Amino acid sequence: MADDDLSDFTRDTFTHDGKTKTVYRLGTGPAVIVMAEIPGITPKVAEFARKVAGIGCTAVVPSLFGADGHDIQSNDRGIRGTLSDAAAVLPQMCVSREFTRFAVGKSSPVVDWLRALAKAEHERCGGPGVGAIGMCFTGGFALAMAVDDRVLAPVLSQPSMPLGITPSRRRNIDISPADLSVVKDRCAAGGLQVLGMRFKSDRLVPGARFEFLREQLGDAFVAIELEDEDANPDALIPPHSVVTEHLIDEPGQPTHDALQQVLDMFATKLGVSAAK
């Protein structure tokens, strides 16, 4: 794919607690906060946001890191180019105090900004609440955002933090005990469902992490776990990104079915027309 100029999105800024970030919006209807994976808002992340807008929601895409619209997986640059682009983002994230990168049992400070964004977008867009999806590095952010009753449909796509270098890290996710307790209470009350997605072979998203989420959230945690052969073979990295780089967007494909399950969840919880 080529770089995406995101020209069909409106571009704005949002400020909370002294932090200002660019926000892209597309569509009308209840808001869904789309948090990109490393290295940022790639063309395939933008395509996912367009699908969210297509079901009658407002896709709200905050720029948290990276070069907006840049294609990291251009075939003429190969895997070295892909890894180089991803690595270029890491220094920006490592020096930022907004992100909790390696600690266990903590919610990233940027989640406060994201909750404020969700509140503002709910007021702007209306509807019963908002949806949220995090991917890879941001996967756990959607869970921590669900402390807010406005967040009705949290989706964790390949939640990769904390890095699973020890058994305790693999059986954990980047959310504080206090925030997790609130989310558990919402799930136990029957009003919240959490959707998680991963490829079974993905070392960044160990199976123990999903076991932990099942134990903590019970039947409210719905897991989609895919095989390697379900992934788009044209992607330049091993199976990881369920609804973006490794999506095969064709009926009958498991990743397509996963995408439809995400869109159906947003449509149902936010009260819009069923996803097509």
C-alpha atoms as a PDB file:
ATOM      1  CA  MET A   1       0.000   0.000   0.000  1.00  0.00           C
ATOM      2  CA  ALA A   2       1.000   3.627  -0.456  1.00  0.00           C
ATOM      3  CA  ASP A   3       0.927   6.252   2.275  1.00  0.00           C
ATOM      4  CA  ASP A   4      -2.587   7.399   3.173  1.00  0.00           C
ATOM      5  CA  ASP A   5      -3.166  11.159   3.258  1.00  0.00           C
ATOM      6  CA  LEU A   6      -6.222  10.660   5.513  1.00  0.00           C
ATOM      7  CA  SER A   7      -7.947  13.396   3.491  1.00  0.00           C
ATOM      8  CA  ASP A   8     -11.414  11.932   4.077  1.00  0.00           C
ATOM      9  CA  PHE A   9     -10.952  12.391   7.831  1.00  0.00           C
ATOM     10  CA  THR A  10     -11.408  15.706   9.577  1.00  0.00           C
ATOM     11  CA  ARG A  11      -8.377  16.733  11.620  1.00  0.00           C
ATOM     12  CA  ASP A  12      -8.652  18.442  14.983  1.00  0.00           C
ATOM     13  CA  THR A  13      -6.851  18.598  18.316  1.00  0.00           C
ATOM     14  CA  PHE A  14      -7.934  17.623  21.797  1.00  0.00           C
ATOM     15  CA  THR A  15      -6.400  18.909  25.013  1.00  0.00           C
ATOM     16  CA  HIS A  16      -6.675  17.455  28.498  1.00  0.00           C
ATOM     17  CA  ASP A  17      -4.521  18.146  31.539  1.00  0.00           C
ATOM     18  CA  GLY A  18      -2.118  20.188  29.441  1.00  0.00           C
ATOM     19  CA  LYS A  19      -1.601  17.462  26.817  1.00  0.00           C
ATOM     20  CA  THR A  20      -2.689  18.253  23.240  1.00  0.00           C
ATOM     21  CA  LYS A  21      -2.849  15.609  20.514  1.00  0.00           C
ATOM     22  CA  THR A  22      -4.123  15.436  16.956  1.00  0.00           C
ATOM     23  CA  VAL A  23      -7.407  13.580  16.495  1.00  0.00           C
ATOM     24  CA  TYR A  24      -8.852  12.317  13.200  1.00  0.00           C
ATOM     25  CA  ARG A  25     -12.595  11.766  12.794  1.00  0.00           C
ATOM     26  CA  LEU A  26     -14.725  10.093  10.143  1.00  0.00           C
ATOM     27  CA  GLY A  27     -18.446   9.314  10.032  1.00  0.00           C
ATOM     28  CA  THR A  28     -21.477  10.135  12.097  1.00  0.00           C
ATOM     29  CA  GLY A  29     -23.150   8.403  15.008  1.00  0.00           C
ATOM     30  CA  PRO A  30     -21.805   7.137  18.345  1.00  0.00           C
ATOM     31  CA  ALA A  31     -18.051   7.388  18.789  1.00  0.00           C
ATOM     32  CA  VAL A  32     -15.548   4.542  18.632  1.00  0.00           C
ATOM     33  CA  ILE A  33     -12.028   5.403  19.814  1.00  0.00           C
ATOM     34  CA  VAL A  34      -9.528   3.639  17.523  1.00  0.00           C
ATOM     35  CA  MET A  35      -6.060   3.407  19.089  1.00  0.00           C
ATOM     36  CA  ALA A  36      -3.368   2.453  16.615  1.00  0.00           C
ATOM     37  CA  GLU A  37      -0.658  -0.141  17.027  1.00  0.00           C
ATOM     38  CA  ILE A  38       3.049   0.618  16.711  1.00  0.00           C
ATOM     39  CA  PRO A  39       4.208   2.499  14.674  1.00  0.00           C
ATOM     40  CA  GLY A  40       1.038   4.604  14.420  1.00  0.00           C
ATOM     41  CA  ILE A  41      -1.914   5.338  12.145  1.00  0.00           C
ATOM     42  CA  THR A  42      -0.896   3.188   9.180  1.00  0.00           C
ATOM     43  CA  PRO A  43      -3.062   2.922   6.039  1.00  0.00           C
ATOM     44  CA  LYS A  44      -4.524  -0.345   7.335  1.00  0.00           C
ATOM     45  CA  VAL A  45      -5.424   1.225  10.677  1.00  0.00           C
ATOM     46  CA  ALA A  46      -7.135   3.983   8.670  1.00  0.00           C
ATOM     47  CA  GLU A  47      -8.971   1.339   6.629  1.00  0.00           C
ATOM     48  CA  PHE A  48     -10.226  -0.252   9.839  1.00  0.00           C
ATOM     49  CA  ALA A  49     -11.459   3.161  11.005  1.00  0.00           C
ATOM     50  CA  ARG A  50     -13.311   3.573   7.697  1.00  0.00           C
ATOM     51  CA  LYS A  51     -15.094   0.271   8.324  1.00  0.00           C
ATOM     52  CA  VAL A  52     -16.145   1.562  11.756  1.00  0.00           C
ATOM     53  CA  ALA A  53     -17.556   4.688  10.114  1.00  0.00           C
ATOM     54  CA  GLY A  54     -19.321   2.471   7.586  1.00  0.00           C
ATOM     55  CA  ILE A  55     -21.575   0.884  10.216  1.00  0.00           C
ATOM     56  CA  GLY A  56     -22.936   4.228  11.362  1.00  0.00           C
ATOM     57  CA  CYS A  57     -20.383   5.210  13.994  1.00  0.00           C
ATOM     58  CA  THR A  58     -17.907   8.062  14.260  1.00  0.00           C
ATOM     59  CA  ALA A  59     -14.379   6.676  14.067  1.00  0.00           C
ATOM     60  CA  VAL A  60     -12.193   8.786  16.363  1.00  0.00           C
ATOM     61  CA  VAL A  61      -8.489   8.121  15.818  1.00  0.00           C
ATOM     62  CA  PRO A  62      -6.075   9.894  18.182  1.00  0.00           C
ATOM     63  CA  SER A  63      -2.478  10.274  17.034  1.00  0.00           C
ATOM     64  CA  LEU A  64      -0.520   8.853  19.970  1.00  0.00           C
ATOM     65  CA  PHE A  65       2.815   8.218  18.229  1.00  0.00           C
ATOM     66  CA  GLY A  66       4.417   7.810  14.816  1.00  0.00           C
ATOM     67  CA  ALA A  67       3.907   9.393  11.396  1.00  0.00           C
ATOM     68  CA  ASP A  68       0.207   9.599  10.561  1.00  0.00           C
ATOM     69  CA  GLY A  69      -0.747   7.754   7.382  1.00  0.00           C
ATOM     70  CA  HIS A  70       2.693   6.277   6.728  1.00  0.00           C
ATOM     71  CA  ASP A  71       2.803   2.791   5.196  1.00  0.00           C
ATOM     72  CA  ILE A  72       5.323   0.675   7.075  1.00  0.00           C
ATOM     73  CA  GLN A  73       4.835  -2.519   5.065  1.00  0.00           C
ATOM     74  CA  SER A  74       5.648  -1.399   1.565  1.00  0.00           C
ATOM     75  CA  ASN A  75       6.874  -4.521  -0.222  1.00  0.00           C
ATOM     76  CA  ASP A  76       9.657  -2.643  -1.988  1.00  0.00           C
ATOM     77  CA  ARG A  77      11.206  -1.782   1.380  1.00  0.00           C
ATOM     78  CA  GLY A  78      10.964  -5.288   2.795  1.00  0.00           C
ATOM     79  CA  ILE A  79      11.114  -6.485   6.368  1.00  0.00           C
ATOM     80  CA  ARG A  80      14.129  -4.290   7.200  1.00  0.00           C
ATOM     81  CA  GLY A  81      12.169  -1.183   6.267  1.00  0.00           C
ATOM     82  CA  THR A  82       9.209  -2.362   8.318  1.00  0.00           C
ATOM     83  CA  LEU A  83      11.338  -2.983  11.400  1.00  0.00           C
ATOM     84  CA  SER A  84      13.208   0.289  10.902  1.00  0.00           C
ATOM     85  CA  ASP A  85       9.970   2.288  10.906  1.00  0.00           C
ATOM     86  CA  ALA A  86       8.719   0.498  14.007  1.00  0.00           C
ATOM     87  CA  ALA A  87      12.037   1.034  15.801  1.00  0.00           C
ATOM     88  CA  ALA A  88      12.007   4.745  14.959  1.00  0.00           C
ATOM     89  CA  VAL A  89       8.906   5.199  17.122  1.00  0.00           C
ATOM     90  CA  LEU A  90      10.367   3.537  20.214  1.00  0.00           C
ATOM     91  CA  PRO A  91      12.600   6.419  21.395  1.00  0.00           C
ATOM     92  CA  GLN A  92       9.583   8.748  21.307  1.00  0.00           C
ATOM     93  CA  MET A  93       7.635   6.306  23.472  1.00  0.00           C
ATOM     94  CA  CYS A  94      10.498   5.496  25.820  1.00  0.00           C
ATOM     95  CA  VAL A  95      11.067   9.119  26.824  1.00  0.00           C
ATOM     96  CA  SER A  96       7.371   9.852  27.213  1.00  0.00           C
ATOM     97  CA  ARG A  97       5.922   9.635  30.701  1.00  0.00           C
ATOM     98  CA  GLU A  98       2.505   9.013  29.181  1.00  0.00           C
ATOM     99  CA  PHE A  99       3.239   5.345  28.541  1.00  0.00           C
ATOM    100  CA  THR A 100       3.869   2.595  31.073  1.00  0.00           C
ATOM    101  CA  ARG A 101       6.073   0.272  29.055  1.00  0.00           C
ATOM    102  CA  PHE A 102       7.508  -2.381  31.336  1.00  0.00           C
ATOM    103  CA  ALA A 103       5.751  -2.117  34.705  1.00  0.00           C
ATOM    104  CA  VAL A 104       3.222  -4.749  35.746  1.00  0.00           C
ATOM    105  CA  GLY A 105      -0.029  -3.774  37.418  1.00  0.00           C
ATOM    106  CA  LYS A 106      -0.205  -0.186  36.171  1.00  0.00           C
ATOM    107  CA  SER A 107      -2.436   1.696  33.750  1.00  0.00           C
ATOM    108  CA  SER A 108      -0.552   4.030  31.406  1.00  0.00           C
ATOM    109  CA  PRO A 109      -0.990   7.726  32.271  1.00  0.00           C
ATOM    110  CA  VAL A 110      -2.210   8.355  28.713  1.00  0.00           C
ATOM    111  CA  VAL A 111      -5.371   6.427  29.621  1.00  0.00           C
ATOM    112  CA  ASP A 112      -6.563   9.469  31.588  1.00  0.00           C
ATOM    113  CA  TRP A 113      -6.285  11.523  28.389  1.00  0.00           C
ATOM    114  CA  LEU A 114      -8.123   8.810  26.449  1.00  0.00           C
ATOM    115  CA  ARG A 115     -10.938   8.676  29.010  1.00  0.00           C
ATOM    116  CA  ALA A 116     -11.307  12.452  28.720  1.00  0.00           C
ATOM    117  CA  LEU A 117     -11.406  12.095  24.929  1.00  0.00           C
ATOM    118  CA  ALA A 118     -14.106   9.419  25.217  1.00  0.00           C
ATOM    119  CA  LYS A 119     -16.173  11.724  27.448  1.00  0.00           C
ATOM    120  CA  ALA A 120     -15.835  14.616  25.004  1.00  0.00           C
ATOM    121  CA  GLU A 121     -16.676  12.429  21.998  1.00  0.00           C
ATOM    122  CA  HIS A 122     -19.734  11.005  23.754  1.00  0.00           C
ATOM    123  CA  GLU A 123     -20.959  14.536  24.333  1.00  0.00           C
ATOM    124  CA  ARG A 124     -20.170  15.449  20.718  1.00  0.00           C
ATOM    125  CA  CYS A 125     -21.570  12.352  19.000  1.00  0.00           C
ATOM    126  CA  GLY A 126     -24.374  11.259  21.308  1.00  0.00           C
ATOM    127  CA  GLY A 127     -25.664   7.723  21.593  1.00  0.00           C
ATOM    128  CA  PRO A 128     -25.689   5.407  24.612  1.00  0.00           C
ATOM    129  CA  GLY A 129     -21.905   5.455  24.998  1.00  0.00           C
ATOM    130  CA  VAL A 130     -18.659   4.864  23.116  1.00  0.00           C
ATOM    131  CA  GLY A 131     -16.656   1.931  21.827  1.00  0.00           C
ATOM    132  CA  ALA A 132     -12.891   1.560  22.061  1.00  0.00           C
ATOM    133  CA  ILE A 133     -10.320  -0.667  20.403  1.00  0.00           C
ATOM    134  CA  GLY A 134      -6.639  -0.864  21.257  1.00  0.00           C
ATOM    135  CA  MET A 135      -4.074  -2.720  19.166  1.00  0.00           C
ATOM    136  CA  CYS A 136      -0.755  -4.255  20.248  1.00  0.00           C
ATOM    137  CA  PHE A 137       0.960  -1.647  22.477  1.00  0.00           C
ATOM    138  CA  THR A 138      -2.408   0.113  23.018  1.00  0.00           C
ATOM    139  CA  GLY A 139      -4.429  -3.101  23.433  1.00  0.00           C
ATOM    140  CA  GLY A 140      -4.717  -2.853  27.200  1.00  0.00           C
ATOM    141  CA  PHE A 141      -5.700   0.821  26.997  1.00  0.00           C
ATOM    142  CA  ALA A 142      -9.200  -0.187  25.880  1.00  0.00           C
ATOM    143  CA  LEU A 143      -9.578  -2.317  29.022  1.00  0.00           C
ATOM    144  CA  ALA A 144      -8.400   0.481  31.317  1.00  0.00           C
ATOM    145  CA  MET A 145     -10.745   2.923  29.572  1.00  0.00           C
ATOM    146  CA  ALA A 146     -13.668   0.659  30.542  1.00  0.00           C
ATOM    147  CA  VAL A 147     -13.476   2.042  34.081  1.00  0.00           C
ATOM    148  CA  ASP A 148     -15.683   4.761  32.570  1.00  0.00           C
ATOM    149  CA  ASP A 149     -19.337   3.713  32.280  1.00  0.00           C
ATOM    150  CA  ARG A 150     -19.461   5.492  28.914  1.00  0.00           C
ATOM    151  CA  VAL A 151     -17.256   2.790  27.400  1.00  0.00           C
ATOM    152  CA  LEU A 152     -19.721   0.100  26.375  1.00  0.00           C
ATOM    153  CA  ALA A 153     -17.677  -1.934  23.892  1.00  0.00           C
ATOM    154  CA  PRO A 154     -13.955  -2.411  24.687  1.00  0.00           C
ATOM    155  CA  VAL A 155     -11.929  -4.492  22.218  1.00  0.00           C
ATOM    156  CA  LEU A 156      -8.377  -5.701  22.921  1.00  0.00           C
ATOM    157  CA  SER A 157      -6.693  -6.582  19.632  1.00  0.00           C
ATOM    158  CA  GLN A 158      -3.399  -8.422  20.234  1.00  0.00           C
ATOM    159  CA  PRO A 159      -2.781  -6.719  23.637  1.00  0.00           C
ATOM    160  CA  SER A 160       0.993  -6.978  23.997  1.00  0.00           C
ATOM    161  CA  MET A 161       1.883  -5.198  27.234  1.00  0.00           C
ATOM    162  CA  PRO A 162       3.580  -5.985  29.507  1.00  0.00           C
ATOM    163  CA  LEU A 163       6.117  -7.918  27.471  1.00  0.00           C
ATOM    164  CA  GLY A 164       5.820 -11.560  28.514  1.00  0.00           C
ATOM    165  CA  ILE A 165       9.413 -12.110  29.593  1.00  0.00           C
ATOM    166  CA  THR A 166       8.407 -13.832  32.853  1.00  0.00           C
ATOM    167  CA  PRO A 167       5.423 -16.021  33.817  1.00  0.00           C
ATOM    168  CA  SER A 168       3.963 -13.239  35.988  1.00  0.00           C
ATOM    169  CA  ARG A 169       4.098 -10.798  33.075  1.00  0.00           C
ATOM    170  CA  ARG A 170       2.458 -13.278  30.740  1.00  0.00           C
ATOM    171  CA  ARG A 171      -0.379 -13.682  33.237  1.00  0.00           C
ATOM    172  CA  ASN A 172      -1.085  -9.964  33.363  1.00  0.00           C
ATOM    173  CA  ILE A 173      -2.067  -6.942  31.306  1.00  0.00           C
ATOM    174  CA  ASP A 174      -1.264  -3.252  31.601  1.00  0.00           C
ATOM    175  CA  ILE A 175      -4.021  -2.151  33.951  1.00  0.00           C
ATOM    176  CA  SER A 176      -3.835  -1.195  37.622  1.00  0.00           C
ATOM    177  CA  PRO A 177      -5.509  -3.435  40.234  1.00  0.00           C
ATOM    178  CA  ALA A 178      -7.913  -0.609  41.109  1.00  0.00           C
ATOM    179  CA  ASP A 179      -8.945  -0.112  37.480  1.00  0.00           C
ATOM    180  CA  LEU A 180      -9.261  -3.859  36.937  1.00  0.00           C
ATOM    181  CA  SER A 181     -11.500  -4.130  39.996  1.00  0.00           C
ATOM    182  CA  VAL A 182     -13.894  -1.553  38.535  1.00  0.00           C
ATOM    183  CA  VAL A 183     -13.984  -3.346  35.195  1.00  0.00           C
ATOM    184  CA  LYS A 184     -14.597  -6.675  36.940  1.00  0.00           C
ATOM    185  CA  ASP A 185     -17.527  -5.166  38.824  1.00  0.00           C
ATOM    186  CA  ARG A 186     -19.012  -3.860  35.578  1.00  0.00           C
ATOM    187  CA  CYS A 187     -18.657  -7.311  34.016  1.00  0.00           C
ATOM    188  CA  ALA A 188     -20.127  -9.071  37.043  1.00  0.00           C
ATOM    189  CA  ALA A 189     -23.125  -6.743  36.966  1.00  0.00           C
ATOM    190  CA  GLY A 190     -23.864  -8.028  33.469  1.00  0.00           C
ATOM    191  CA  GLY A 191     -23.489  -4.738  31.676  1.00  0.00           C
ATOM    192  CA  LEU A 192     -20.055  -5.073  30.105  1.00  0.00           C
ATOM    193  CA  GLN A 193     -18.491  -7.491  27.635  1.00  0.00           C
ATOM    194  CA  VAL A 194     -14.807  -7.406  26.658  1.00  0.00           C
ATOM    195  CA  LEU A 195     -13.609  -8.828  23.333  1.00  0.00           C
ATOM    196  CA  GLY A 196     -10.009  -9.997  22.917  1.00  0.00           C
ATOM    197  CA  MET A 197      -8.203 -11.204  19.780  1.00  0.00           C
ATOM    198  CA  ARG A 198      -4.857 -12.904  19.179  1.00  0.00           C
ATOM    199  CA  PHE A 199      -3.016 -15.357  16.980  1.00  0.00           C
ATOM    200  CA  LYS A 200      -2.189 -18.446  19.026  1.00  0.00           C
ATOM    201  CA  SER A 201       1.480 -18.423  17.985  1.00  0.00           C
ATOM    202  CA  ASP A 202       2.015 -14.745  18.808  1.00  0.00           C
ATOM    203  CA  ARG A 203       4.688 -14.526  21.509  1.00  0.00           C
ATOM    204  CA  LEU A 204       3.782 -10.897  22.140  1.00  0.00           C
ATOM    205  CA  VAL A 205       0.305 -12.002  23.250  1.00  0.00           C
ATOM    206  CA  PRO A 206       0.813 -15.212  25.230  1.00  0.00           C
ATOM    207  CA  GLY A 207      -2.060 -17.559  25.867  1.00  0.00           C
ATOM    208  CA  ALA A 208      -1.553 -17.068  29.603  1.00  0.00           C
ATOM    209  CA  ARG A 209      -2.663 -13.443  29.201  1.00  0.00           C
ATOM    210  CA  PHE A 210      -6.026 -14.551  27.853  1.00  0.00           C
ATOM    211  CA  GLU A 211      -6.278 -17.195  30.599  1.00  0.00           C
ATOM    212  CA  PHE A 212      -5.743 -14.387  33.122  1.00  0.00           C
ATOM    213  CA  LEU A 213      -8.473 -12.286  31.498  1.00  0.00           C
ATOM    214  CA  ARG A 214     -10.883 -15.236  31.549  1.00  0.00           C
ATOM    215  CA  GLU A 215     -10.191 -15.767  35.237  1.00  0.00           C
ATOM    216  CA  GLN A 216     -10.652 -12.096  36.057  1.00  0.00           C
ATOM    217  CA  LEU A 217     -13.653 -11.278  33.863  1.00  0.00           C
ATOM    218  CA  GLY A 218     -15.397 -14.632  33.587  1.00  0.00           C
ATOM    219  CA  ASP A 219     -17.856 -15.157  30.755  1.00  0.00           C
ATOM    220  CA  ALA A 220     -17.762 -11.425  30.028  1.00  0.00           C
ATOM    221  CA  PHE A 221     -14.405 -11.965  28.309  1.00  0.00           C
ATOM    222  CA  VAL A 222     -14.906 -13.244  24.773  1.00  0.00           C
ATOM    223  CA  ALA A 223     -11.722 -14.512  23.105  1.00  0.00           C
ATOM    224  CA  ILE A 224     -11.000 -14.902  19.409  1.00  0.00           C
ATOM    225  CA  GLU A 225      -7.867 -17.004  18.957  1.00  0.00           C
ATOM    226  CA  LEU A 226      -6.619 -17.654  15.442  1.00  0.00           C
ATOM    227  CA  GLU A 227      -4.224 -20.043  13.730  1.00  0.00           C
ATOM    228  CA  ASP A 228      -1.176 -18.948  11.720  1.00  0.00           C
ATOM    229  CA  GLU A 229      -2.770 -20.099   8.478  1.00  0.00           C
ATOM    230  CA  ASP A 230      -5.612 -17.634   9.101  1.00  0.00           C
ATOM    231  CA  ALA A 231      -3.219 -14.694   8.670  1.00  0.00           C
ATOM    232  CA  ASN A 232      -2.648 -12.756   5.474  1.00  0.00           C
ATOM    233  CA  PRO A 233       0.485 -14.366   3.978  1.00  0.00           C
ATOM    234  CA  ASP A 234       1.426 -11.114   2.243  1.00  0.00           C
ATOM    235  CA  ALA A 235       2.173  -9.356   5.532  1.00  0.00           C
ATOM    236  CA  LEU A 236       5.865  -8.815   6.175  1.00  0.00           C
ATOM    237  CA  ILE A 237       5.786  -9.752   9.861  1.00  0.00           C
ATOM    238  CA  PRO A 238       4.667 -12.969  11.624  1.00  0.00           C
ATOM    239  CA  PRO A 239       0.947 -13.313  12.494  1.00  0.00           C
ATOM    240  CA  HIS A 240       0.033 -10.542  14.924  1.00  0.00           C
ATOM    241  CA  SER A 241      -2.334  -7.781  13.729  1.00  0.00           C
ATOM    242  CA  VAL A 242      -5.803  -9.321  13.480  1.00  0.00           C
ATOM    243  CA  VAL A 243      -7.846  -6.521  11.889  1.00  0.00           C
ATOM    244  CA  THR A 244      -5.075  -4.649  10.088  1.00  0.00           C
ATOM    245  CA  GLU A 245      -1.859  -6.089   8.608  1.00  0.00           C
ATOM    246  CA  HIS A 246      -2.921  -9.746   8.821  1.00  0.00           C
ATOM    247  CA  LEU A 247      -6.544  -9.291   7.823  1.00  0.00           C
ATOM    248  CA  ILE A 248      -7.817 -11.252   4.827  1.00  0.00           C
ATOM    249  CA  ASP A 249     -10.936  -9.250   4.144  1.00  0.00           C
ATOM    250  CA  GLU A 250     -12.893 -11.915   2.293  1.00  0.00           C
ATOM    251  CA  PRO A 251     -16.075 -13.723   3.413  1.00  0.00           C
ATOM    252  CA  GLY A 252     -15.309 -17.049   5.039  1.00  0.00           C
ATOM    253  CA  GLN A 253     -11.833 -16.021   6.174  1.00  0.00           C
ATOM    254  CA  PRO A 254     -11.345 -16.269   9.970  1.00  0.00           C
ATOM    255  CA  THR A 255      -9.832 -12.774  10.219  1.00  0.00           C
ATOM    256  CA  HIS A 256     -12.768 -11.379   8.234  1.00  0.00           C
ATOM    257  CA  ASP A 257     -15.127 -13.126  10.661  1.00  0.00           C
ATOM    258  CA  ALA A 258     -13.180 -11.608  13.565  1.00  0.00           C
ATOM    259  CA  LEU A 259     -13.492  -8.157  12.008  1.00  0.00           C
ATOM    260  CA  GLN A 260     -17.237  -8.657  11.582  1.00  0.00           C
ATOM    261  CA  GLN A 261     -17.548  -9.732  15.220  1.00  0.00           C
ATOM    262  CA  VAL A 262     -15.847  -6.498  16.295  1.00  0.00           C
ATOM    263  CA  LEU A 263     -18.084  -4.360  14.092  1.00  0.00           C
ATOM    264  CA  ASP A 264     -21.185  -6.242  15.215  1.00  0.00           C
ATOM    265  CA  MET A 265     -20.225  -5.630  18.843  1.00  0.00           C
ATOM    266  CA  PHE A 266     -19.884  -1.896  18.216  1.00  0.00           C
ATOM    267  CA  ALA A 267     -23.170  -1.829  16.312  1.00  0.00           C
ATOM    268  CA  THR A 268     -25.086  -3.759  18.982  1.00  0.00           C
ATOM    269  CA  LYS A 269     -23.690  -1.997  22.042  1.00  0.00           C
ATOM    270  CA  LEU A 270     -23.921   1.472  20.510  1.00  0.00           C
ATOM    271  CA  GLY A 271     -27.352   1.002  18.990  1.00  0.00           C
ATOM    272  CA  VAL A 272     -26.582   1.489  15.304  1.00  0.00           C
ATOM    273  CA  SER A 273     -27.494  -0.592  12.256  1.00  0.00           C
ATOM    274  CA  ALA A 274     -25.978  -4.057  12.053  1.00  0.00           C
ATOM    275  CA  ALA A 275     -22.530  -4.300  10.506  1.00  0.00           C
ATOM    276  CA  LYS A 276     -22.449  -5.432   6.878  1.00  0.00           C
END
